[in-house]
Amino acid sequence: MSRLVSSKRAKLPASAFAYIDSRGRRRLPIHDEAHVRNALGRFDRVAFEDDAARERARRRLLNAAKRYGIVPVGFITGEVQKARTRPAIDALPTGFVTFLFTDIEGSTALLTLLGDRYGALLRDVRGVIRRRSANTSRAASSCPSTDRVRSVGPTSSHPPSTIFASASRLSPISAPSG
């Protein structure tokens, strides 16, 4: 592989690099076959800003390899092995998982009726559902732009019927007067 001197590197378009960080530093040149092979070997040594940037660079690099007829078996094997050992994946529940989705019936009419006070009502409802869900499924998340709450959790010690029974016992919440 010929050395890529600074003057030639500077003349290359952005598309000739698999990764360009937020400061504009251009990494992993992929403008010719030799540099694509080199980038495949050095990919793991690049510090990416986030997983999305890493994924974009990986895709660009694999497309460049395809363009030059390179079959990056070792690179793909390494990526698969890394994906299998990521700690975030190990922390996910296994076995049966229960999903609970809730919605406020007539929320559009309520919004019209309550105006600015709807936010407080929505916050209260989310809190009630989150507390009830946390007691049974150990995980809950709300959708910040809607009136929905999703609850996901392992069902080994709490079958779905327990979660649904808990949700159905929610008392109706009175809308503020005025």
C-alpha atoms as a PDB file:
ATOM      1  CA  MET A   1       0.000   0.000   0.000  1.00  0.00           C
ATOM      2  CA  SER A   2       1.372   3.374  -0.940  1.00  0.00           C
ATOM      3  CA  ARG A   3       1.613   6.012   1.758  1.00  0.00           C
ATOM      4  CA  LEU A   4      -1.142   8.593   1.601  1.00  0.00           C
ATOM      5  CA  VAL A   5       0.675  11.924   1.881  1.00  0.00           C
ATOM      6  CA  SER A   6      -1.076  14.890   3.497  1.00  0.00           C
ATOM      7  CA  SER A   7      -1.500  16.860   0.271  1.00  0.00           C
ATOM      8  CA  LYS A   8      -3.175  13.932  -1.522  1.00  0.00           C
ATOM      9  CA  ARG A   9      -5.298  13.096   1.557  1.00  0.00           C
ATOM     10  CA  ALA A  10      -6.526  16.708   1.724  1.00  0.00           C
ATOM     11  CA  LYS A  11      -7.684  16.545  -1.899  1.00  0.00           C
ATOM     12  CA  LEU A  12      -9.793  13.422  -1.346  1.00  0.00           C
ATOM     13  CA  PRO A  13     -13.565  13.991  -1.040  1.00  0.00           C
ATOM     14  CA  ALA A  14     -15.384  13.167   2.201  1.00  0.00           C
ATOM     15  CA  SER A  15     -16.834  10.082   0.492  1.00  0.00           C
ATOM     16  CA  ALA A  16     -13.305   8.628   0.377  1.00  0.00           C
ATOM     17  CA  PHE A  17     -13.371   8.074   4.157  1.00  0.00           C
ATOM     18  CA  ALA A  18     -15.378   5.578   6.182  1.00  0.00           C
ATOM     19  CA  TYR A  19     -15.557   7.909   9.189  1.00  0.00           C
ATOM     20  CA  ILE A  20     -15.426  11.660   9.733  1.00  0.00           C
ATOM     21  CA  ASP A  21     -15.801  12.754  13.355  1.00  0.00           C
ATOM     22  CA  SER A  22     -17.652  15.849  14.601  1.00  0.00           C
ATOM     23  CA  ARG A  23     -14.442  17.889  14.498  1.00  0.00           C
ATOM     24  CA  GLY A  24     -13.968  17.051  10.828  1.00  0.00           C
ATOM     25  CA  ARG A  25     -11.109  14.578  11.290  1.00  0.00           C
ATOM     26  CA  ARG A  26     -11.243  12.110   8.425  1.00  0.00           C
ATOM     27  CA  ARG A  27     -10.491   8.504   9.393  1.00  0.00           C
ATOM     28  CA  LEU A  28     -10.203   5.219   7.562  1.00  0.00           C
ATOM     29  CA  PRO A  29      -9.552   6.164   3.914  1.00  0.00           C
ATOM     30  CA  ILE A  30     -11.406   3.853   1.522  1.00  0.00           C
ATOM     31  CA  HIS A  31     -10.548   5.390  -1.866  1.00  0.00           C
ATOM     32  CA  ASP A  32      -8.668   2.354  -3.198  1.00  0.00           C
ATOM     33  CA  GLU A  33      -8.441  -1.386  -2.581  1.00  0.00           C
ATOM     34  CA  ALA A  34      -5.265  -1.243  -0.495  1.00  0.00           C
ATOM     35  CA  HIS A  35      -6.677   1.371   1.836  1.00  0.00           C
ATOM     36  CA  VAL A  36      -9.966  -0.545   2.207  1.00  0.00           C
ATOM     37  CA  ARG A  37      -7.993  -3.625   3.287  1.00  0.00           C
ATOM     38  CA  ASN A  38      -5.997  -1.471   5.702  1.00  0.00           C
ATOM     39  CA  ALA A  39      -9.187   0.118   7.104  1.00  0.00           C
ATOM     40  CA  LEU A  40     -10.684  -3.332   7.693  1.00  0.00           C
ATOM     41  CA  GLY A  41      -7.628  -4.215   9.785  1.00  0.00           C
ATOM     42  CA  ARG A  42      -7.597  -0.940  11.729  1.00  0.00           C
ATOM     43  CA  PHE A  43     -11.341  -0.509  12.297  1.00  0.00           C
ATOM     44  CA  ASP A  44     -11.196  -1.678  15.933  1.00  0.00           C
ATOM     45  CA  ARG A  45      -8.486   0.850  16.775  1.00  0.00           C
ATOM     46  CA  VAL A  46     -10.615   3.881  15.886  1.00  0.00           C
ATOM     47  CA  ALA A  47     -12.370   5.658  18.752  1.00  0.00           C
ATOM     48  CA  PHE A  48     -15.869   6.389  17.437  1.00  0.00           C
ATOM     49  CA  GLU A  49     -17.983   9.098  19.050  1.00  0.00           C
ATOM     50  CA  ASP A  50     -20.994   6.822  19.477  1.00  0.00           C
ATOM     51  CA  ASP A  51     -22.502   3.547  18.313  1.00  0.00           C
ATOM     52  CA  ALA A  52     -24.380   5.228  15.461  1.00  0.00           C
ATOM     53  CA  ALA A  53     -21.150   6.696  14.054  1.00  0.00           C
ATOM     54  CA  ARG A  54     -19.472   3.298  14.359  1.00  0.00           C
ATOM     55  CA  GLU A  55     -22.347   1.638  12.519  1.00  0.00           C
ATOM     56  CA  ARG A  56     -22.280   4.223   9.695  1.00  0.00           C
ATOM     57  CA  ALA A  57     -18.511   3.744   9.294  1.00  0.00           C
ATOM     58  CA  ARG A  58     -18.901  -0.042   9.346  1.00  0.00           C
ATOM     59  CA  ARG A  59     -21.522   0.125   6.571  1.00  0.00           C
ATOM     60  CA  ARG A  60     -19.405   2.482   4.448  1.00  0.00           C
ATOM     61  CA  LEU A  61     -16.389   0.224   4.897  1.00  0.00           C
ATOM     62  CA  LEU A  62     -18.314  -2.918   3.961  1.00  0.00           C
ATOM     63  CA  ASN A  63     -19.741  -1.189   0.880  1.00  0.00           C
ATOM     64  CA  ALA A  64     -16.235  -0.162  -0.156  1.00  0.00           C
ATOM     65  CA  ALA A  65     -15.019  -3.739   0.352  1.00  0.00           C
ATOM     66  CA  LYS A  66     -17.859  -4.982  -1.836  1.00  0.00           C
ATOM     67  CA  ARG A  67     -16.992  -2.406  -4.511  1.00  0.00           C
ATOM     68  CA  TYR A  68     -13.407  -3.780  -4.691  1.00  0.00           C
ATOM     69  CA  GLY A  69     -14.458  -7.440  -4.492  1.00  0.00           C
ATOM     70  CA  ILE A  70     -13.037  -7.946  -0.995  1.00  0.00           C
ATOM     71  CA  VAL A  71     -14.748 -10.572   1.175  1.00  0.00           C
ATOM     72  CA  PRO A  72     -13.944  -9.415   4.741  1.00  0.00           C
ATOM     73  CA  VAL A  73     -14.526 -12.730   6.520  1.00  0.00           C
ATOM     74  CA  GLY A  74     -12.255 -11.936   9.473  1.00  0.00           C
ATOM     75  CA  PHE A  75     -13.782  -8.487   9.920  1.00  0.00           C
ATOM     76  CA  ILE A  76     -17.338  -9.844   9.937  1.00  0.00           C
ATOM     77  CA  THR A  77     -16.412 -12.662  12.328  1.00  0.00           C
ATOM     78  CA  GLY A  78     -14.893 -10.128  14.736  1.00  0.00           C
ATOM     79  CA  GLU A  79     -17.998  -7.930  14.561  1.00  0.00           C
ATOM     80  CA  VAL A  80     -20.296 -10.879  15.298  1.00  0.00           C
ATOM     81  CA  GLN A  81     -18.173 -11.980  18.257  1.00  0.00           C
ATOM     82  CA  LYS A  82     -18.200  -8.437  19.677  1.00  0.00           C
ATOM     83  CA  ALA A  83     -21.963  -8.197  19.310  1.00  0.00           C
ATOM     84  CA  ARG A  84     -22.394 -11.431  21.252  1.00  0.00           C
ATOM     85  CA  THR A  85     -20.316 -10.226  24.185  1.00  0.00           C
ATOM     86  CA  ARG A  86     -21.775  -6.726  24.609  1.00  0.00           C
ATOM     87  CA  PRO A  87     -22.817  -6.269  28.249  1.00  0.00           C
ATOM     88  CA  ALA A  88     -26.020  -4.391  27.349  1.00  0.00           C
ATOM     89  CA  ILE A  89     -27.353  -7.479  25.589  1.00  0.00           C
ATOM     90  CA  ASP A  90     -26.525  -9.663  28.580  1.00  0.00           C
ATOM     91  CA  ALA A  91     -28.580  -7.370  30.840  1.00  0.00           C
ATOM     92  CA  LEU A  92     -31.799  -7.890  28.870  1.00  0.00           C
ATOM     93  CA  PRO A  93     -34.402 -10.272  30.287  1.00  0.00           C
ATOM     94  CA  THR A  94     -34.614 -13.742  28.830  1.00  0.00           C
ATOM     95  CA  GLY A  95     -37.485 -16.190  28.624  1.00  0.00           C
ATOM     96  CA  PHE A  96     -41.065 -14.962  28.639  1.00  0.00           C
ATOM     97  CA  VAL A  97     -41.472 -11.192  28.645  1.00  0.00           C
ATOM     98  CA  THR A  98     -44.695  -9.271  29.198  1.00  0.00           C
ATOM     99  CA  PHE A  99     -45.507  -6.026  27.392  1.00  0.00           C
ATOM    100  CA  LEU A 100     -48.210  -3.779  28.815  1.00  0.00           C
ATOM    101  CA  PHE A 101     -49.418  -0.801  26.783  1.00  0.00           C
ATOM    102  CA  THR A 102     -51.858   1.713  28.232  1.00  0.00           C
ATOM    103  CA  ASP A 103     -53.743   4.642  26.778  1.00  0.00           C
ATOM    104  CA  ILE A 104     -56.023   7.319  28.206  1.00  0.00           C
ATOM    105  CA  GLU A 105     -59.463   6.887  26.703  1.00  0.00           C
ATOM    106  CA  GLY A 106     -60.747  10.118  25.186  1.00  0.00           C
ATOM    107  CA  SER A 107     -57.461  11.947  25.671  1.00  0.00           C
ATOM    108  CA  THR A 108     -58.046  14.349  22.776  1.00  0.00           C
ATOM    109  CA  ALA A 109     -61.361  15.492  24.269  1.00  0.00           C
ATOM    110  CA  LEU A 110     -59.699  15.784  27.682  1.00  0.00           C
ATOM    111  CA  LEU A 111     -56.933  17.908  26.212  1.00  0.00           C
ATOM    112  CA  THR A 112     -59.504  20.249  24.675  1.00  0.00           C
ATOM    113  CA  LEU A 113     -61.446  20.427  27.937  1.00  0.00           C
ATOM    114  CA  LEU A 114     -58.474  20.925  30.273  1.00  0.00           C
ATOM    115  CA  GLY A 115     -56.112  22.954  28.109  1.00  0.00           C
ATOM    116  CA  ASP A 116     -52.864  23.701  29.995  1.00  0.00           C
ATOM    117  CA  ARG A 117     -54.005  21.621  32.973  1.00  0.00           C
ATOM    118  CA  TYR A 118     -53.871  18.422  30.881  1.00  0.00           C
ATOM    119  CA  GLY A 119     -50.090  18.175  31.479  1.00  0.00           C
ATOM    120  CA  ALA A 120     -50.563  17.820  35.245  1.00  0.00           C
ATOM    121  CA  LEU A 121     -53.245  15.167  34.756  1.00  0.00           C
ATOM    122  CA  LEU A 122     -51.038  13.262  32.317  1.00  0.00           C
ATOM    123  CA  ARG A 123     -48.080  13.398  34.736  1.00  0.00           C
ATOM    124  CA  ASP A 124     -50.277  12.016  37.542  1.00  0.00           C
ATOM    125  CA  VAL A 125     -51.637   9.183  35.392  1.00  0.00           C
ATOM    126  CA  ARG A 126     -48.142   8.233  34.228  1.00  0.00           C
ATOM    127  CA  GLY A 127     -46.953   8.181  37.848  1.00  0.00           C
ATOM    128  CA  VAL A 128     -49.769   5.861  38.947  1.00  0.00           C
ATOM    129  CA  ILE A 129     -49.172   3.464  36.060  1.00  0.00           C
ATOM    130  CA  ARG A 130     -45.401   3.563  36.510  1.00  0.00           C
ATOM    131  CA  ARG A 131     -45.682   2.741  40.219  1.00  0.00           C
ATOM    132  CA  ARG A 132     -48.148  -0.110  39.589  1.00  0.00           C
ATOM    133  CA  SER A 133     -46.032  -1.479  36.748  1.00  0.00           C
ATOM    134  CA  ALA A 134     -42.840  -1.271  38.778  1.00  0.00           C
ATOM    135  CA  ASN A 135     -44.474  -3.350  41.522  1.00  0.00           C
ATOM    136  CA  THR A 136     -45.228  -6.178  39.124  1.00  0.00           C
ATOM    137  CA  SER A 137     -42.883  -6.059  36.139  1.00  0.00           C
ATOM    138  CA  ARG A 138     -39.837  -4.175  37.453  1.00  0.00           C
ATOM    139  CA  ALA A 139     -39.649  -1.989  34.322  1.00  0.00           C
ATOM    140  CA  ALA A 140     -41.722   0.825  32.896  1.00  0.00           C
ATOM    141  CA  SER A 141     -41.247   3.683  30.488  1.00  0.00           C
ATOM    142  CA  SER A 142     -43.523   6.421  29.293  1.00  0.00           C
ATOM    143  CA  CYS A 143     -43.722   7.884  25.836  1.00  0.00           C
ATOM    144  CA  PRO A 144     -42.941  11.591  26.442  1.00  0.00           C
ATOM    145  CA  SER A 145     -44.996  12.957  23.557  1.00  0.00           C
ATOM    146  CA  THR A 146     -48.162  10.916  24.151  1.00  0.00           C
ATOM    147  CA  ASP A 147     -50.434   9.611  26.891  1.00  0.00           C
ATOM    148  CA  ARG A 148     -49.081   6.062  26.588  1.00  0.00           C
ATOM    149  CA  VAL A 149     -47.028   4.089  29.107  1.00  0.00           C
ATOM    150  CA  ARG A 150     -45.228   0.911  28.175  1.00  0.00           C
ATOM    151  CA  SER A 151     -44.241  -1.618  30.775  1.00  0.00           C
ATOM    152  CA  VAL A 152     -41.908  -4.475  29.949  1.00  0.00           C
ATOM    153  CA  GLY A 153     -40.524  -7.073  32.267  1.00  0.00           C
ATOM    154  CA  PRO A 154     -39.775 -10.718  32.927  1.00  0.00           C
ATOM    155  CA  THR A 155     -42.885 -12.714  33.771  1.00  0.00           C
ATOM    156  CA  SER A 156     -41.251 -15.607  35.575  1.00  0.00           C
ATOM    157  CA  SER A 157     -42.437 -14.467  39.022  1.00  0.00           C
ATOM    158  CA  HIS A 158     -45.328 -12.257  37.862  1.00  0.00           C
ATOM    159  CA  PRO A 159     -47.532 -13.767  35.159  1.00  0.00           C
ATOM    160  CA  PRO A 160     -49.311 -11.443  32.697  1.00  0.00           C
ATOM    161  CA  SER A 161     -52.603 -11.847  34.568  1.00  0.00           C
ATOM    162  CA  THR A 162     -51.022 -10.200  37.637  1.00  0.00           C
ATOM    163  CA  ILE A 163     -49.946  -7.161  35.650  1.00  0.00           C
ATOM    164  CA  PHE A 164     -53.303  -6.837  33.876  1.00  0.00           C
ATOM    165  CA  ALA A 165     -55.204  -7.250  37.156  1.00  0.00           C
ATOM    166  CA  SER A 166     -53.069  -4.505  38.683  1.00  0.00           C
ATOM    167  CA  ALA A 167     -53.745  -2.194  35.734  1.00  0.00           C
ATOM    168  CA  SER A 168     -57.487  -2.863  35.807  1.00  0.00           C
ATOM    169  CA  ARG A 169     -57.651  -1.872  39.493  1.00  0.00           C
ATOM    170  CA  LEU A 170     -56.564   1.689  38.690  1.00  0.00           C
ATOM    171  CA  SER A 171     -59.154   4.077  40.060  1.00  0.00           C
ATOM    172  CA  PRO A 172     -60.652   6.580  37.681  1.00  0.00           C
ATOM    173  CA  ILE A 173     -58.889   9.910  38.158  1.00  0.00           C
ATOM    174  CA  SER A 174     -61.199  12.902  38.355  1.00  0.00           C
ATOM    175  CA  ALA A 175     -60.440  15.739  35.984  1.00  0.00           C
ATOM    176  CA  PRO A 176     -59.750  19.030  37.733  1.00  0.00           C
ATOM    177  CA  SER A 177     -62.796  21.279  37.858  1.00  0.00           C
ATOM    178  CA  GLY A 178     -62.950  24.558  36.007  1.00  0.00           C
END
